[in-house]
């Protein structure tokens, strides 16, 4: 492994280590009850160093979504363009695959740790606001992948909103006590229906593909 690759891997390990420590403290004491200085001390780094990694306290939690920020755009770019490559089909298949794997991003996951994380996220106003900023960036990069036009930006907003609402509904039901097995069938049907509505409203992203 190159020196650059090793440095990047160590940097990502540090991100994860500090984020995990912070989330543990937030879950134990509450987000607002834990200071950045307390997180830094628990992680064995200085407060200025922590802020070099995480510009805002909320980013200590939202770091877990960092890898997913451009996920929809990556799916669209991987699908390509043309009659056999539909961006919406690719995104639908990707979401359904996530459901089958019980990917926490889809909300269909009954792990106590995942449920606790989502309660922390959705139960803290400042985290919800920060998550909206992540969503906006997801929309922006997806819009570029779809053609970077006004139509692409409008479509990206709808697609990201659909994925978010589907995930929140799955999480809401499981958090209320339903099992993953009970929710799964409805989650798949809801995803199929939602992406069907998107395709009906965005025919230029359907079977013909972008630019056709």
C-alpha atoms as a PDB file:
ATOM      1  CA  UNK A   1       0.000   0.000   0.000  1.00  0.00           C
ATOM      2  CA  UNK A   2       1.316   3.490  -0.899  1.00  0.00           C
ATOM      3  CA  UNK A   3       2.132   6.038   1.784  1.00  0.00           C
ATOM      4  CA  UNK A   4      -0.791   8.166   0.564  1.00  0.00           C
ATOM      5  CA  UNK A   5      -3.134   5.174   0.750  1.00  0.00           C
ATOM      6  CA  UNK A   6      -1.931   4.322   4.249  1.00  0.00           C
ATOM      7  CA  UNK A   7      -2.439   7.902   5.436  1.00  0.00           C
ATOM      8  CA  UNK A   8      -5.950   7.967   4.002  1.00  0.00           C
ATOM      9  CA  UNK A   9      -6.814   4.663   5.666  1.00  0.00           C
ATOM     10  CA  UNK A  10      -5.515   5.922   9.026  1.00  0.00           C
ATOM     11  CA  UNK A  11      -7.488   9.137   8.560  1.00  0.00           C
ATOM     12  CA  UNK A  12     -10.692   7.197   7.914  1.00  0.00           C
ATOM     13  CA  UNK A  13      -9.988   4.995  10.945  1.00  0.00           C
ATOM     14  CA  UNK A  14      -9.638   8.127  13.067  1.00  0.00           C
ATOM     15  CA  UNK A  15     -12.921   9.492  11.732  1.00  0.00           C
ATOM     16  CA  UNK A  16     -14.692   6.265  12.619  1.00  0.00           C
ATOM     17  CA  UNK A  17     -13.026   5.929  16.026  1.00  0.00           C
ATOM     18  CA  UNK A  18     -13.928   9.452  17.150  1.00  0.00           C
ATOM     19  CA  UNK A  19     -17.448   9.210  15.716  1.00  0.00           C
ATOM     20  CA  UNK A  20     -18.089   5.897  17.487  1.00  0.00           C
ATOM     21  CA  UNK A  21     -16.912   7.314  20.815  1.00  0.00           C
ATOM     22  CA  UNK A  22     -19.070  10.412  20.381  1.00  0.00           C
ATOM     23  CA  UNK A  23     -22.185   8.429  19.461  1.00  0.00           C
ATOM     24  CA  UNK A  24     -21.667   6.188  22.470  1.00  0.00           C
ATOM     25  CA  UNK A  25     -21.559   9.223  24.745  1.00  0.00           C
ATOM     26  CA  UNK A  26     -24.570  10.833  23.071  1.00  0.00           C
ATOM     27  CA  UNK A  27     -26.615   7.651  23.428  1.00  0.00           C
ATOM     28  CA  UNK A  28     -25.666   7.327  27.090  1.00  0.00           C
ATOM     29  CA  UNK A  29     -26.160  10.955  28.142  1.00  0.00           C
ATOM     30  CA  UNK A  30     -28.070  12.723  25.392  1.00  0.00           C
ATOM     31  CA  UNK A  31     -26.688  14.810  22.543  1.00  0.00           C
ATOM     32  CA  UNK A  32     -27.082  18.188  24.245  1.00  0.00           C
ATOM     33  CA  UNK A  33     -25.605  16.954  27.543  1.00  0.00           C
ATOM     34  CA  UNK A  34     -22.229  16.020  26.023  1.00  0.00           C
ATOM     35  CA  UNK A  35     -19.725  18.718  25.121  1.00  0.00           C
ATOM     36  CA  UNK A  36     -17.243  18.603  22.261  1.00  0.00           C
ATOM     37  CA  UNK A  37     -14.465  18.873  24.849  1.00  0.00           C
ATOM     38  CA  UNK A  38     -15.791  15.720  26.557  1.00  0.00           C
ATOM     39  CA  UNK A  39     -15.765  13.844  23.256  1.00  0.00           C
ATOM     40  CA  UNK A  40     -12.229  15.004  22.488  1.00  0.00           C
ATOM     41  CA  UNK A  41     -11.003  13.905  25.913  1.00  0.00           C
ATOM     42  CA  UNK A  42     -12.645  10.494  25.571  1.00  0.00           C
ATOM     43  CA  UNK A  43     -11.077  10.064  22.123  1.00  0.00           C
ATOM     44  CA  UNK A  44      -7.643  11.121  23.342  1.00  0.00           C
ATOM     45  CA  UNK A  45      -7.305  14.105  21.014  1.00  0.00           C
ATOM     46  CA  UNK A  46      -7.401  17.871  21.446  1.00  0.00           C
ATOM     47  CA  UNK A  47     -10.527  19.905  20.798  1.00  0.00           C
ATOM     48  CA  UNK A  48      -8.880  21.771  17.848  1.00  0.00           C
ATOM     49  CA  UNK A  49      -7.882  18.422  16.330  1.00  0.00           C
ATOM     50  CA  UNK A  50     -11.445  17.154  16.672  1.00  0.00           C
ATOM     51  CA  UNK A  51     -12.760  20.213  14.850  1.00  0.00           C
ATOM     52  CA  UNK A  52     -10.292  19.597  12.024  1.00  0.00           C
ATOM     53  CA  UNK A  53     -12.021  16.272  11.471  1.00  0.00           C
ATOM     54  CA  UNK A  54     -15.563  17.344  12.329  1.00  0.00           C
ATOM     55  CA  UNK A  55     -16.412  21.023  11.678  1.00  0.00           C
ATOM     56  CA  UNK A  56     -19.637  20.781  13.707  1.00  0.00           C
ATOM     57  CA  UNK A  57     -20.686  18.721  16.703  1.00  0.00           C
ATOM     58  CA  UNK A  58     -23.541  17.254  14.645  1.00  0.00           C
ATOM     59  CA  UNK A  59     -21.039  15.863  12.126  1.00  0.00           C
ATOM     60  CA  UNK A  60     -19.822  13.440  14.792  1.00  0.00           C
ATOM     61  CA  UNK A  61     -23.148  11.663  14.344  1.00  0.00           C
ATOM     62  CA  UNK A  62     -23.816  12.350  10.660  1.00  0.00           C
ATOM     63  CA  UNK A  63     -20.407  10.948   9.703  1.00  0.00           C
ATOM     64  CA  UNK A  64     -22.138   7.578   9.453  1.00  0.00           C
ATOM     65  CA  UNK A  65     -23.994   8.951   6.432  1.00  0.00           C
ATOM     66  CA  UNK A  66     -20.889  10.373   4.768  1.00  0.00           C
ATOM     67  CA  UNK A  67     -20.357   7.346   2.534  1.00  0.00           C
ATOM     68  CA  UNK A  68     -23.993   7.519   1.415  1.00  0.00           C
ATOM     69  CA  UNK A  69     -23.997  11.198   0.481  1.00  0.00           C
ATOM     70  CA  UNK A  70     -23.262  10.538  -3.202  1.00  0.00           C
ATOM     71  CA  UNK A  71     -24.647   6.999  -3.285  1.00  0.00           C
ATOM     72  CA  UNK A  72     -27.602   7.755  -5.570  1.00  0.00           C
ATOM     73  CA  UNK A  73     -25.314   9.612  -7.967  1.00  0.00           C
ATOM     74  CA  UNK A  74     -22.895   6.662  -8.030  1.00  0.00           C
ATOM     75  CA  UNK A  75     -25.753   4.295  -8.851  1.00  0.00           C
ATOM     76  CA  UNK A  76     -26.891   6.485 -11.746  1.00  0.00           C
ATOM     77  CA  UNK A  77     -23.379   6.898 -13.131  1.00  0.00           C
ATOM     78  CA  UNK A  78     -22.783   3.153 -12.931  1.00  0.00           C
ATOM     79  CA  UNK A  79     -26.013   2.520 -14.852  1.00  0.00           C
ATOM     80  CA  UNK A  80     -24.861   4.728 -17.715  1.00  0.00           C
ATOM     81  CA  UNK A  81     -27.264   5.955 -20.367  1.00  0.00           C
ATOM     82  CA  UNK A  82     -29.173   4.454 -23.226  1.00  0.00           C
ATOM     83  CA  UNK A  83     -32.251   2.372 -23.903  1.00  0.00           C
ATOM     84  CA  UNK A  84     -31.107  -0.452 -21.634  1.00  0.00           C
ATOM     85  CA  UNK A  85     -30.027   1.774 -18.758  1.00  0.00           C
ATOM     86  CA  UNK A  86     -32.765   3.510 -16.791  1.00  0.00           C
ATOM     87  CA  UNK A  87     -31.609   5.686 -13.873  1.00  0.00           C
ATOM     88  CA  UNK A  88     -34.850   5.077 -12.008  1.00  0.00           C
ATOM     89  CA  UNK A  89     -34.673   1.333 -12.574  1.00  0.00           C
ATOM     90  CA  UNK A  90     -31.111   1.325 -11.251  1.00  0.00           C
ATOM     91  CA  UNK A  91     -32.092   3.344  -8.173  1.00  0.00           C
ATOM     92  CA  UNK A  92     -35.130   1.145  -7.560  1.00  0.00           C
ATOM     93  CA  UNK A  93     -33.055  -2.035  -7.778  1.00  0.00           C
ATOM     94  CA  UNK A  94     -30.443  -0.514  -5.482  1.00  0.00           C
ATOM     95  CA  UNK A  95     -33.043   0.397  -2.845  1.00  0.00           C
ATOM     96  CA  UNK A  96     -34.688  -3.030  -3.057  1.00  0.00           C
ATOM     97  CA  UNK A  97     -31.274  -4.666  -2.698  1.00  0.00           C
ATOM     98  CA  UNK A  98     -30.736  -2.553   0.415  1.00  0.00           C
ATOM     99  CA  UNK A  99     -34.020  -3.821   1.824  1.00  0.00           C
ATOM    100  CA  UNK A 100     -32.991  -7.415   1.158  1.00  0.00           C
ATOM    101  CA  UNK A 101     -29.704  -6.805   3.010  1.00  0.00           C
ATOM    102  CA  UNK A 102     -31.466  -4.916   5.831  1.00  0.00           C
ATOM    103  CA  UNK A 103     -29.207  -1.957   5.160  1.00  0.00           C
ATOM    104  CA  UNK A 104     -29.774   0.541   8.018  1.00  0.00           C
ATOM    105  CA  UNK A 105     -30.052   3.337   5.436  1.00  0.00           C
ATOM    106  CA  UNK A 106     -33.346   1.800   4.238  1.00  0.00           C
ATOM    107  CA  UNK A 107     -34.770   1.834   7.767  1.00  0.00           C
ATOM    108  CA  UNK A 108     -35.440  -1.909   7.567  1.00  0.00           C
ATOM    109  CA  UNK A 109     -33.180  -3.015  10.388  1.00  0.00           C
ATOM    110  CA  UNK A 110     -34.132  -4.206  13.845  1.00  0.00           C
ATOM    111  CA  UNK A 111     -30.719  -4.076  15.479  1.00  0.00           C
ATOM    112  CA  UNK A 112     -30.988  -2.357  18.885  1.00  0.00           C
ATOM    113  CA  UNK A 113     -27.892  -0.293  18.049  1.00  0.00           C
ATOM    114  CA  UNK A 114     -29.390   0.881  14.763  1.00  0.00           C
ATOM    115  CA  UNK A 115     -32.728   1.711  16.379  1.00  0.00           C
ATOM    116  CA  UNK A 116     -30.976   3.654  19.127  1.00  0.00           C
ATOM    117  CA  UNK A 117     -28.943   5.590  16.563  1.00  0.00           C
ATOM    118  CA  UNK A 118     -32.073   6.548  14.640  1.00  0.00           C
ATOM    119  CA  UNK A 119     -33.839   7.612  17.837  1.00  0.00           C
ATOM    120  CA  UNK A 120     -30.867   9.849  18.582  1.00  0.00           C
ATOM    121  CA  UNK A 121     -30.892  11.273  15.061  1.00  0.00           C
ATOM    122  CA  UNK A 122     -34.622  11.893  14.636  1.00  0.00           C
ATOM    123  CA  UNK A 123     -35.084  12.939  18.241  1.00  0.00           C
ATOM    124  CA  UNK A 124     -32.518  15.764  18.168  1.00  0.00           C
ATOM    125  CA  UNK A 125     -33.533  18.938  16.352  1.00  0.00           C
ATOM    126  CA  UNK A 126     -30.020  20.066  15.487  1.00  0.00           C
ATOM    127  CA  UNK A 127     -29.186  16.640  14.049  1.00  0.00           C
ATOM    128  CA  UNK A 128     -32.320  16.672  11.896  1.00  0.00           C
ATOM    129  CA  UNK A 129     -31.329  20.103  10.592  1.00  0.00           C
ATOM    130  CA  UNK A 130     -27.785  18.940   9.847  1.00  0.00           C
ATOM    131  CA  UNK A 131     -29.127  15.816   8.141  1.00  0.00           C
ATOM    132  CA  UNK A 132     -31.109  18.098   5.840  1.00  0.00           C
ATOM    133  CA  UNK A 133     -27.832  19.662   4.716  1.00  0.00           C
ATOM    134  CA  UNK A 134     -26.509  16.189   3.863  1.00  0.00           C
ATOM    135  CA  UNK A 135     -29.714  15.566   1.922  1.00  0.00           C
ATOM    136  CA  UNK A 136     -29.231  18.777  -0.039  1.00  0.00           C
ATOM    137  CA  UNK A 137     -25.729  17.712  -1.025  1.00  0.00           C
ATOM    138  CA  UNK A 138     -27.067  14.307  -2.070  1.00  0.00           C
ATOM    139  CA  UNK A 139     -29.613  16.049  -4.277  1.00  0.00           C
ATOM    140  CA  UNK A 140     -26.925  18.289  -5.797  1.00  0.00           C
ATOM    141  CA  UNK A 141     -24.570  15.481  -6.818  1.00  0.00           C
ATOM    142  CA  UNK A 142     -27.472  13.362  -8.083  1.00  0.00           C
ATOM    143  CA  UNK A 143     -28.689  16.292 -10.179  1.00  0.00           C
ATOM    144  CA  UNK A 144     -25.257  16.527 -11.796  1.00  0.00           C
ATOM    145  CA  UNK A 145     -25.327  12.806 -12.578  1.00  0.00           C
ATOM    146  CA  UNK A 146     -28.767  13.264 -14.174  1.00  0.00           C
ATOM    147  CA  UNK A 147     -27.646  16.093 -16.440  1.00  0.00           C
ATOM    148  CA  UNK A 148     -27.334  19.209 -14.244  1.00  0.00           C
ATOM    149  CA  UNK A 149     -30.431  20.926 -15.633  1.00  0.00           C
ATOM    150  CA  UNK A 150     -33.429  22.382 -13.838  1.00  0.00           C
ATOM    151  CA  UNK A 151     -35.355  19.216 -14.688  1.00  0.00           C
ATOM    152  CA  UNK A 152     -32.507  17.140 -13.233  1.00  0.00           C
ATOM    153  CA  UNK A 153     -32.498  19.172 -10.018  1.00  0.00           C
ATOM    154  CA  UNK A 154     -36.257  18.817  -9.646  1.00  0.00           C
ATOM    155  CA  UNK A 155     -36.004  15.066 -10.254  1.00  0.00           C
ATOM    156  CA  UNK A 156     -33.120  14.670  -7.801  1.00  0.00           C
ATOM    157  CA  UNK A 157     -35.137  16.388  -5.080  1.00  0.00           C
ATOM    158  CA  UNK A 158     -38.048  14.016  -5.613  1.00  0.00           C
ATOM    159  CA  UNK A 159     -35.875  10.891  -5.702  1.00  0.00           C
ATOM    160  CA  UNK A 160     -33.938  11.713  -2.523  1.00  0.00           C
ATOM    161  CA  UNK A 161     -37.177  12.645  -0.739  1.00  0.00           C
ATOM    162  CA  UNK A 162     -38.787   9.325  -1.734  1.00  0.00           C
ATOM    163  CA  UNK A 163     -35.840   7.338  -0.408  1.00  0.00           C
ATOM    164  CA  UNK A 164     -35.844   9.309   2.844  1.00  0.00           C
ATOM    165  CA  UNK A 165     -39.580   8.920   3.434  1.00  0.00           C
ATOM    166  CA  UNK A 166     -39.519   5.195   2.657  1.00  0.00           C
ATOM    167  CA  UNK A 167     -36.651   4.699   5.119  1.00  0.00           C
ATOM    168  CA  UNK A 168     -38.302   6.763   7.843  1.00  0.00           C
ATOM    169  CA  UNK A 169     -41.560   4.820   7.507  1.00  0.00           C
ATOM    170  CA  UNK A 170     -39.714   1.514   7.856  1.00  0.00           C
ATOM    171  CA  UNK A 171     -37.822   2.778  10.896  1.00  0.00           C
ATOM    172  CA  UNK A 172     -40.988   4.239  12.457  1.00  0.00           C
ATOM    173  CA  UNK A 173     -42.813   0.919  12.291  1.00  0.00           C
ATOM    174  CA  UNK A 174     -39.910  -1.122  13.627  1.00  0.00           C
ATOM    175  CA  UNK A 175     -39.247   1.413  16.388  1.00  0.00           C
ATOM    176  CA  UNK A 176     -42.932   1.084  17.341  1.00  0.00           C
ATOM    177  CA  UNK A 177     -42.445  -2.636  17.920  1.00  0.00           C
ATOM    178  CA  UNK A 178     -43.105  -4.377  14.603  1.00  0.00           C
ATOM    179  CA  UNK A 179     -40.540  -6.927  13.489  1.00  0.00           C
ATOM    180  CA  UNK A 180     -38.446  -6.662  10.337  1.00  0.00           C
ATOM    181  CA  UNK A 181     -40.195  -9.761   9.007  1.00  0.00           C
ATOM    182  CA  UNK A 182     -43.619  -8.125   9.400  1.00  0.00           C
ATOM    183  CA  UNK A 183     -42.528  -4.832   7.823  1.00  0.00           C
ATOM    184  CA  UNK A 184     -40.475  -6.302   4.961  1.00  0.00           C
ATOM    185  CA  UNK A 185     -43.308  -7.152   2.545  1.00  0.00           C
ATOM    186  CA  UNK A 186     -44.928  -3.746   2.951  1.00  0.00           C
ATOM    187  CA  UNK A 187     -41.541  -2.043   2.606  1.00  0.00           C
ATOM    188  CA  UNK A 188     -40.882  -3.758  -0.718  1.00  0.00           C
ATOM    189  CA  UNK A 189     -44.378  -2.967  -1.989  1.00  0.00           C
ATOM    190  CA  UNK A 190     -44.056   0.666  -0.891  1.00  0.00           C
ATOM    191  CA  UNK A 191     -40.704   1.017  -2.638  1.00  0.00           C
ATOM    192  CA  UNK A 192     -42.037  -0.518  -5.852  1.00  0.00           C
ATOM    193  CA  UNK A 193     -45.053   1.774  -5.725  1.00  0.00           C
ATOM    194  CA  UNK A 194     -43.039   4.886  -4.967  1.00  0.00           C
ATOM    195  CA  UNK A 195     -40.562   4.310  -7.763  1.00  0.00           C
ATOM    196  CA  UNK A 196     -43.467   3.529 -10.074  1.00  0.00           C
ATOM    197  CA  UNK A 197     -44.924   6.940  -9.256  1.00  0.00           C
ATOM    198  CA  UNK A 198     -41.563   8.561  -9.904  1.00  0.00           C
ATOM    199  CA  UNK A 199     -41.321   6.889 -13.303  1.00  0.00           C
ATOM    200  CA  UNK A 200     -44.852   7.994 -14.193  1.00  0.00           C
ATOM    201  CA  UNK A 201     -44.022  11.576 -13.260  1.00  0.00           C
ATOM    202  CA  UNK A 202     -40.500  11.559 -14.691  1.00  0.00           C
ATOM    203  CA  UNK A 203     -40.833   9.607 -17.962  1.00  0.00           C
ATOM    204  CA  UNK A 204     -37.519  10.948 -19.265  1.00  0.00           C
ATOM    205  CA  UNK A 205     -35.784   8.971 -16.490  1.00  0.00           C
ATOM    206  CA  UNK A 206     -37.685   5.774 -17.214  1.00  0.00           C
ATOM    207  CA  UNK A 207     -36.952   3.010 -19.658  1.00  0.00           C
ATOM    208  CA  UNK A 208     -35.629   5.387 -22.311  1.00  0.00           C
ATOM    209  CA  UNK A 209     -32.811   6.543 -20.036  1.00  0.00           C
ATOM    210  CA  UNK A 210     -31.249   9.988 -19.653  1.00  0.00           C
ATOM    211  CA  UNK A 211     -30.863  11.975 -22.785  1.00  0.00           C
ATOM    212  CA  UNK A 212     -33.043   9.708 -24.972  1.00  0.00           C
END
